[in-house]
């Protein structure tokens, strides 16, 4: 993936400077921090307590297989919430002013199966810079070959039905991520800048944390849970299917929908829009008025605000979204949003159907 994309510098680039000034003024007037507040701390404690409680319930609860499955589903969903709400903010430096606190909370990303180094490289650096640019945005690798997301990709007969089977494939997102994709991306030289290689400590972290994850979410359950081994594996599969369904669907709703732009670089190196305007054209919000959606998804339904201000904690996104929207309208720049979670899912399905045909 090339790192040589250059963005335009036309007058609409003033949009970012203006909206940044207004957002800074909002926090100064309110005399509040851009980082986590009491609401975020309470949510963090609640989610982590639920995670630990469900894990021990999965191991030691003396219930039948069906109740165990309910616990496994809850555990999988809770690990998705940890990634959405805590890990994501921490790895963007948005949780706390203290790098040490962000780093400590970021370790949770490793403990729920992902890899911090790979995430920072592919998401923080590449995705947030080259959003929705085919051949550059590493987050667009959605089941390559099985799901077609751009007109320049080879078309297969099966793609005609991708708007139906894609949602089934998404349920395997965490299994693919934790057991395959992290390794592939870690050793993929095309994702690096020049001859840059991962520091030696990151090789140790990759294998050490993966081993810890496999111990806690494979080996220990097989040893401790008082069920036949094949039923334990079924529980762990159910856990992953729940987690994968959550993260696999939510991740698609911000960029792979009918309304967003997927530009092809001119001369393979240039994007006409400024970086900020490109973000506005390639990113979409959903369910902005739903408190519950924002609470559960860690502000991922406010993707526009997140892409423009990734260092601001997501609990502030609802308040600043009106500032961003008003400024965008003033500069005649699109502010794209789907009103509900369901309408966002329908838009994603429509996008898949269009690309499949």
Protein backbone atom coordinates (compact mmCIF):
# COMPACT_ATOMS: atom_id res chain seq x y z
CA UNK A 1 0.00 0.00 0.00
CA UNK A 2 1.50 3.28 -1.16
CA UNK A 3 2.03 6.06 1.37
CA UNK A 4 2.55 8.79 -1.25
CA UNK A 5 -0.97 10.22 -1.47
CA UNK A 6 -1.10 14.01 -1.47
CA UNK A 7 -4.27 15.88 -0.55
CA UNK A 8 -5.42 19.16 -2.07
CA UNK A 9 -4.95 22.57 -0.45
CA UNK A 10 -7.93 24.41 -1.91
CA UNK A 11 -9.77 27.06 0.12
CA UNK A 12 -12.16 24.49 1.61
CA UNK A 13 -9.24 23.32 3.72
CA UNK A 14 -10.12 26.36 5.90
CA UNK A 15 -12.99 24.24 7.13
CA UNK A 16 -10.72 22.23 9.44
CA UNK A 17 -9.09 25.33 10.90
CA UNK A 18 -12.46 26.91 11.56
CA UNK A 19 -14.12 23.88 13.11
CA UNK A 20 -11.04 23.23 15.24
CA UNK A 21 -11.17 26.79 16.63
CA UNK A 22 -14.85 26.41 17.45
CA UNK A 23 -14.37 23.03 19.14
CA UNK A 24 -11.50 24.43 21.24
CA UNK A 25 -13.67 27.40 22.20
CA UNK A 26 -16.45 25.03 23.29
CA UNK A 27 -14.18 23.20 25.74
CA UNK A 28 -12.68 26.46 27.01
CA UNK A 29 -16.11 27.98 27.62
CA UNK A 30 -17.36 24.86 29.38
CA UNK A 31 -14.07 24.61 31.29
CA UNK A 32 -13.95 20.87 30.72
CA UNK A 33 -11.26 18.48 29.51
CA UNK A 34 -11.34 16.86 26.08
CA UNK A 35 -10.48 13.57 27.75
CA UNK A 36 -12.49 11.11 29.81
CA UNK A 37 -14.79 12.43 32.52
CA UNK A 38 -16.76 10.78 35.33
CA UNK A 39 -19.21 9.23 32.86
CA UNK A 40 -16.39 7.54 31.02
CA UNK A 41 -14.71 6.28 34.18
CA UNK A 42 -18.01 4.83 35.44
CA UNK A 43 -18.62 3.14 32.09
CA UNK A 44 -15.10 1.71 32.09
CA UNK A 45 -15.52 0.23 35.56
CA UNK A 46 -18.94 -1.17 34.66
CA UNK A 47 -17.79 -2.83 31.43
CA UNK A 48 -14.65 -4.33 32.97
CA UNK A 49 -16.60 -5.62 35.96
CA UNK A 50 -19.11 -7.24 33.64
CA UNK A 51 -16.28 -8.77 31.57
CA UNK A 52 -14.59 -10.37 34.58
CA UNK A 53 -17.90 -11.54 36.04
CA UNK A 54 -19.03 -13.19 32.80
CA UNK A 55 -15.65 -14.84 32.31
CA UNK A 56 -15.75 -16.52 35.73
CA UNK A 57 -19.42 -17.38 35.22
CA UNK A 58 -18.45 -19.13 31.99
CA UNK A 59 -15.78 -21.13 33.81
CA UNK A 60 -17.55 -22.05 37.02
CA UNK A 61 -21.31 -21.66 36.66
CA UNK A 62 -23.08 -24.98 37.24
CA UNK A 63 -25.73 -24.55 34.57
CA UNK A 64 -26.77 -26.45 31.48
CA UNK A 65 -25.35 -25.87 28.00
CA UNK A 66 -28.04 -23.39 26.97
CA UNK A 67 -27.39 -21.08 29.91
CA UNK A 68 -23.69 -21.41 29.23
CA UNK A 69 -24.34 -20.24 25.69
CA UNK A 70 -26.11 -17.14 26.97
CA UNK A 71 -23.10 -16.39 29.15
CA UNK A 72 -20.77 -16.94 26.18
CA UNK A 73 -22.81 -14.54 24.03
CA UNK A 74 -22.69 -11.92 26.78
CA UNK A 75 -18.94 -12.38 27.16
CA UNK A 76 -18.34 -11.96 23.44
CA UNK A 77 -20.46 -8.82 23.27
CA UNK A 78 -18.73 -7.39 26.34
CA UNK A 79 -15.30 -7.86 24.77
CA UNK A 80 -16.58 -5.94 21.75
CA UNK A 81 -17.68 -3.15 24.10
CA UNK A 82 -14.20 -3.07 25.65
CA UNK A 83 -12.69 -2.54 22.22
CA UNK A 84 -15.25 0.08 21.19
CA UNK A 85 -15.33 2.08 24.40
CA UNK A 86 -12.03 1.71 26.21
CA UNK A 87 -9.32 0.35 23.93
CA UNK A 88 -10.21 2.52 20.96
CA UNK A 89 -10.08 5.77 22.93
CA UNK A 90 -6.93 4.76 24.80
CA UNK A 91 -5.01 3.84 21.65
CA UNK A 92 -5.90 7.20 20.09
CA UNK A 93 -4.66 8.97 23.22
CA UNK A 94 -8.20 10.21 23.81
CA UNK A 95 -8.90 8.61 27.17
CA UNK A 96 -6.45 10.53 29.34
CA UNK A 97 -3.87 13.32 29.20
CA UNK A 98 -1.46 10.80 30.69
CA UNK A 99 0.34 8.64 28.08
CA UNK A 100 0.91 6.06 30.81
CA UNK A 101 -2.82 5.68 31.50
CA UNK A 102 -3.59 5.44 27.79
CA UNK A 103 -0.88 2.82 27.37
CA UNK A 104 -2.11 0.80 30.36
CA UNK A 105 -5.71 0.81 29.16
CA UNK A 106 -4.52 0.04 25.64
CA UNK A 107 -3.17 -3.27 26.91
CA UNK A 108 -6.80 -4.37 27.21
CA UNK A 109 -6.77 -4.49 23.42
CA UNK A 110 -4.14 -7.21 23.62
CA UNK A 111 -6.02 -9.06 26.34
CA UNK A 112 -9.22 -9.30 24.31
CA UNK A 113 -7.30 -10.83 21.40
CA UNK A 114 -6.14 -7.97 19.16
CA UNK A 115 -2.64 -6.52 18.75
CA UNK A 116 -1.92 -2.92 19.72
CA UNK A 117 0.99 -2.41 17.32
CA UNK A 118 -0.93 -3.69 14.29
CA UNK A 119 -3.99 -1.62 15.22
CA UNK A 120 -2.00 1.60 15.59
CA UNK A 121 -0.25 0.97 12.28
CA UNK A 122 -3.26 -0.02 10.17
CA UNK A 123 -6.00 1.99 11.87
CA UNK A 124 -4.52 5.05 13.56
CA UNK A 125 -1.96 5.82 10.86
CA UNK A 126 -3.20 4.32 7.60
CA UNK A 127 -6.99 4.27 7.90
CA UNK A 128 -7.28 7.69 9.50
CA UNK A 129 -5.06 9.20 6.80
CA UNK A 130 -6.17 7.35 3.66
CA UNK A 131 -9.81 6.77 4.58
CA UNK A 132 -11.77 4.85 1.92
CA UNK A 133 -8.99 5.08 -0.66
CA UNK A 134 -8.75 1.69 -2.34
CA UNK A 135 -5.24 0.24 -2.30
CA UNK A 136 -4.26 2.49 0.61
CA UNK A 137 -6.80 2.09 3.42
CA UNK A 138 -5.88 -1.17 5.19
CA UNK A 139 -9.26 -1.28 6.95
CA UNK A 140 -10.97 -1.93 3.61
CA UNK A 141 -9.75 -5.53 3.51
CA UNK A 142 -13.18 -7.02 4.17
CA UNK A 143 -13.09 -10.75 3.30
CA UNK A 144 -11.03 -10.22 0.11
CA UNK A 145 -12.39 -12.23 -2.79
CA UNK A 146 -15.64 -12.94 -0.96
CA UNK A 147 -16.89 -9.36 -0.66
CA UNK A 148 -16.47 -6.85 -3.49
CA UNK A 149 -16.40 -3.22 -2.36
CA UNK A 150 -15.08 -1.36 -5.40
CA UNK A 151 -15.82 -1.40 -9.13
CA UNK A 152 -12.16 -2.02 -9.99
CA UNK A 153 -12.10 -5.31 -8.06
CA UNK A 154 -12.69 -8.55 -10.02
CA UNK A 155 -16.36 -9.53 -10.05
CA UNK A 156 -17.46 -13.11 -9.35
CA UNK A 157 -20.90 -14.62 -9.76
CA UNK A 158 -21.23 -15.05 -6.01
CA UNK A 159 -20.93 -11.30 -5.43
CA UNK A 160 -24.48 -10.94 -6.70
CA UNK A 161 -25.58 -12.34 -3.35
CA UNK A 162 -23.03 -10.63 -1.11
CA UNK A 163 -25.62 -8.29 0.39
CA UNK A 164 -27.15 -11.44 1.88
CA UNK A 165 -24.20 -13.60 2.94
CA UNK A 166 -21.88 -10.76 4.03
CA UNK A 167 -23.68 -10.41 7.35
CA UNK A 168 -23.03 -14.10 8.03
CA UNK A 169 -19.34 -13.66 7.19
CA UNK A 170 -19.07 -10.74 9.61
CA UNK A 171 -19.81 -13.09 12.50
CA UNK A 172 -16.38 -14.66 11.94
CA UNK A 173 -14.64 -11.27 12.21
CA UNK A 174 -13.01 -11.83 15.62
CA UNK A 175 -11.81 -15.35 14.81
CA UNK A 176 -10.22 -14.11 11.60
CA UNK A 177 -8.77 -11.05 13.34
CA UNK A 178 -7.28 -12.71 16.41
CA UNK A 179 -6.09 -15.95 14.83
CA UNK A 180 -5.04 -14.82 11.36
CA UNK A 181 -5.13 -11.18 10.31
CA UNK A 182 -2.94 -9.77 13.09
CA UNK A 183 -0.10 -12.07 12.07
CA UNK A 184 -0.56 -11.33 8.37
CA UNK A 185 -0.55 -7.56 8.88
CA UNK A 186 2.30 -7.61 11.37
CA UNK A 187 4.60 -9.26 8.83
CA UNK A 188 3.19 -7.45 5.76
CA UNK A 189 6.01 -5.22 4.52
CA UNK A 190 3.61 -3.31 2.23
CA UNK A 191 2.01 -1.72 5.30
CA UNK A 192 5.28 -0.19 6.43
CA UNK A 193 6.87 3.12 5.51
CA UNK A 194 10.09 2.53 3.63
CA UNK A 195 12.31 -0.06 5.30
CA UNK A 196 10.69 0.50 8.69
CA UNK A 197 10.36 -2.73 10.68
CA UNK A 198 8.55 -3.40 13.95
CA UNK A 199 10.74 -2.85 17.04
CA UNK A 200 12.03 -6.08 18.56
CA UNK A 201 9.79 -5.66 21.60
CA UNK A 202 6.72 -5.77 19.33
CA UNK A 203 7.63 -9.26 18.15
CA UNK A 204 7.70 -10.33 21.79
CA UNK A 205 4.42 -8.54 22.53
CA UNK A 206 2.70 -10.12 19.56
CA UNK A 207 3.43 -13.71 20.52
CA UNK A 208 3.34 -13.21 24.30
CA UNK A 209 -0.08 -11.55 24.38
CA UNK A 210 -1.49 -13.93 21.80
CA UNK A 211 -0.35 -16.80 24.02
CA UNK A 212 -2.01 -15.17 27.04
CA UNK A 213 -5.23 -14.72 25.09
CA UNK A 214 -5.22 -18.33 23.85
CA UNK A 215 -4.59 -19.52 27.41
CA UNK A 216 -7.50 -17.58 28.89
CA UNK A 217 -9.96 -18.04 26.04
CA UNK A 218 -9.12 -21.52 24.81
CA UNK A 219 -6.91 -23.63 27.07
CA UNK A 220 -8.28 -22.70 30.51
CA UNK A 221 -11.95 -23.06 29.43
CA UNK A 222 -11.17 -26.51 28.02
CA UNK A 223 -9.60 -27.53 31.33
CA UNK A 224 -11.98 -25.88 33.80
CA UNK A 225 -15.49 -25.85 32.33
CA UNK A 226 -17.39 -28.91 33.47
CA UNK A 227 -18.64 -29.89 30.03
CA UNK A 228 -17.38 -32.22 27.28
CA UNK A 229 -14.54 -30.67 25.26
CA UNK A 230 -16.62 -30.36 22.09
CA UNK A 231 -19.31 -28.44 23.97
CA UNK A 232 -16.67 -26.10 25.38
CA UNK A 233 -15.39 -25.44 21.86
CA UNK A 234 -18.99 -24.78 20.82
CA UNK A 235 -19.30 -22.21 23.63
CA UNK A 236 -16.11 -20.47 22.51
CA UNK A 237 -17.36 -20.45 18.92
CA UNK A 238 -20.64 -18.88 20.07
CA UNK A 239 -18.63 -16.29 22.01
CA UNK A 240 -16.70 -15.38 18.87
CA UNK A 241 -19.78 -15.32 16.66
CA UNK A 242 -21.44 -12.84 19.03
CA UNK A 243 -18.34 -10.65 19.19
CA UNK A 244 -17.72 -10.91 15.45
CA UNK A 245 -21.32 -10.04 14.58
CA UNK A 246 -21.07 -6.91 16.73
CA UNK A 247 -17.72 -5.59 15.54
CA UNK A 248 -18.07 -6.84 11.97
CA UNK A 249 -21.30 -4.94 11.40
CA UNK A 250 -20.52 -1.74 13.30
CA UNK A 251 -17.17 -1.24 11.56
CA UNK A 252 -18.81 -1.22 8.11
CA UNK A 253 -21.47 1.39 8.81
CA UNK A 254 -19.12 4.37 8.92
CA UNK A 255 -17.53 4.02 5.47
CA UNK A 256 -19.03 1.26 3.32
CA UNK A 257 -22.47 2.68 2.70
CA UNK A 258 -24.23 4.10 -0.33
CA UNK A 259 -23.66 7.73 0.65
CA UNK A 260 -19.88 7.76 1.10
CA UNK A 261 -17.17 8.53 -1.46
CA UNK A 262 -14.40 6.11 -2.42
CA UNK A 263 -12.08 8.24 -4.58
CA UNK A 264 -9.44 6.96 -6.96
CA UNK A 265 -6.23 9.03 -6.69
CA UNK A 266 -5.40 11.13 -9.74
CA UNK A 267 -2.12 9.95 -11.26
CA UNK A 268 -2.25 7.33 -8.47
CA UNK A 269 -0.83 9.87 -6.00
CA UNK A 270 -3.22 12.81 -5.59
CA UNK A 271 -6.63 13.44 -4.04
CA UNK A 272 -8.30 16.67 -5.13
CA UNK A 273 -9.97 17.39 -1.79
CA UNK A 274 -8.14 18.59 1.27
CA UNK A 275 -7.68 15.93 3.94
CA UNK A 276 -10.53 17.24 6.10
CA UNK A 277 -12.96 17.54 3.19
CA UNK A 278 -12.00 14.04 2.08
CA UNK A 279 -12.87 12.79 5.57
CA UNK A 280 -16.29 14.45 5.33
CA UNK A 281 -17.02 12.84 1.97
CA UNK A 282 -15.81 9.37 2.93
CA UNK A 283 -17.24 9.10 6.44
CA UNK A 284 -20.81 8.85 7.71
CA UNK A 285 -22.49 9.07 11.11
CA UNK A 286 -25.45 6.97 12.16
CA UNK A 287 -28.03 7.16 14.95
CA UNK A 288 -26.58 10.47 16.13
CA UNK A 289 -29.63 11.20 18.26
CA UNK A 290 -29.60 7.81 20.01
CA UNK A 291 -28.00 7.97 23.45
CA UNK A 292 -27.96 4.17 23.73
CA UNK A 293 -26.16 3.68 20.41
CA UNK A 294 -23.44 6.16 21.35
CA UNK A 295 -23.11 4.65 24.82
CA UNK A 296 -22.74 1.06 23.59
CA UNK A 297 -20.62 1.69 20.50
CA UNK A 298 -18.16 4.07 22.12
CA UNK A 299 -19.04 6.96 19.84
CA UNK A 300 -18.31 4.96 16.68
CA UNK A 301 -21.64 6.23 15.38
CA UNK A 302 -20.00 9.69 15.45
CA UNK A 303 -17.34 8.73 12.91
CA UNK A 304 -17.15 12.21 11.39
CA UNK A 305 -16.22 13.77 14.71
CA UNK A 306 -13.90 10.87 15.49
CA UNK A 307 -11.98 11.21 12.22
CA UNK A 308 -11.58 14.95 12.60
CA UNK A 309 -10.77 14.82 16.33
CA UNK A 310 -9.52 11.32 17.25
CA UNK A 311 -7.79 12.69 20.36
CA UNK A 312 -11.10 13.75 21.95
CA UNK A 313 -12.85 11.22 24.18
CA UNK A 314 -16.01 9.86 22.57
CA UNK A 315 -18.29 10.96 25.45
CA UNK A 316 -17.99 14.52 24.08
CA UNK A 317 -18.97 13.67 20.49
CA UNK A 318 -22.73 14.23 20.87
CA UNK A 319 -22.09 17.78 22.12
CA UNK A 320 -19.56 18.77 19.47
CA UNK A 321 -21.36 17.10 16.57
CA UNK A 322 -23.74 20.05 16.18
CA UNK A 323 -20.73 22.39 15.90
CA UNK A 324 -19.17 20.21 13.20
CA UNK A 325 -22.44 19.92 11.28
CA UNK A 326 -23.16 23.67 11.37
CA UNK A 327 -19.61 24.48 10.24
CA UNK A 328 -19.81 21.95 7.41
CA UNK A 329 -23.08 23.49 6.20
CA UNK A 330 -21.50 26.94 6.37
CA UNK A 331 -18.65 25.78 4.11
CA UNK A 332 -21.07 23.83 1.88
CA UNK A 333 -19.34 20.57 2.73
CA UNK A 334 -21.46 17.42 3.09
CA UNK A 335 -22.24 16.14 6.57
CA UNK A 336 -23.48 12.61 5.85
CA UNK A 337 -25.55 10.68 8.37
CA UNK A 338 -28.06 7.87 8.62
CA UNK A 339 -30.73 8.68 11.15
CA UNK A 340 -30.90 5.23 12.76
CA UNK A 341 -28.82 2.10 13.18
CA UNK A 342 -31.30 0.17 11.04
CA UNK A 343 -31.14 2.71 8.21
CA UNK A 344 -27.34 2.47 8.33
CA UNK A 345 -27.55 -1.32 8.02
CA UNK A 346 -29.91 -0.93 5.05
CA UNK A 347 -27.53 1.54 3.44
CA UNK A 348 -24.63 -0.88 3.87
CA UNK A 349 -26.71 -3.70 2.37
CA UNK A 350 -27.59 -1.41 -0.55
CA UNK A 351 -23.92 -0.61 -1.05
CA UNK A 352 -23.03 -4.32 -1.12
CA UNK A 353 -25.84 -5.06 -3.58
CA UNK A 354 -24.65 -2.26 -5.88
CA UNK A 355 -21.04 -3.48 -5.78
CA UNK A 356 -22.17 -7.05 -6.35
CA UNK A 357 -24.05 -6.10 -9.50
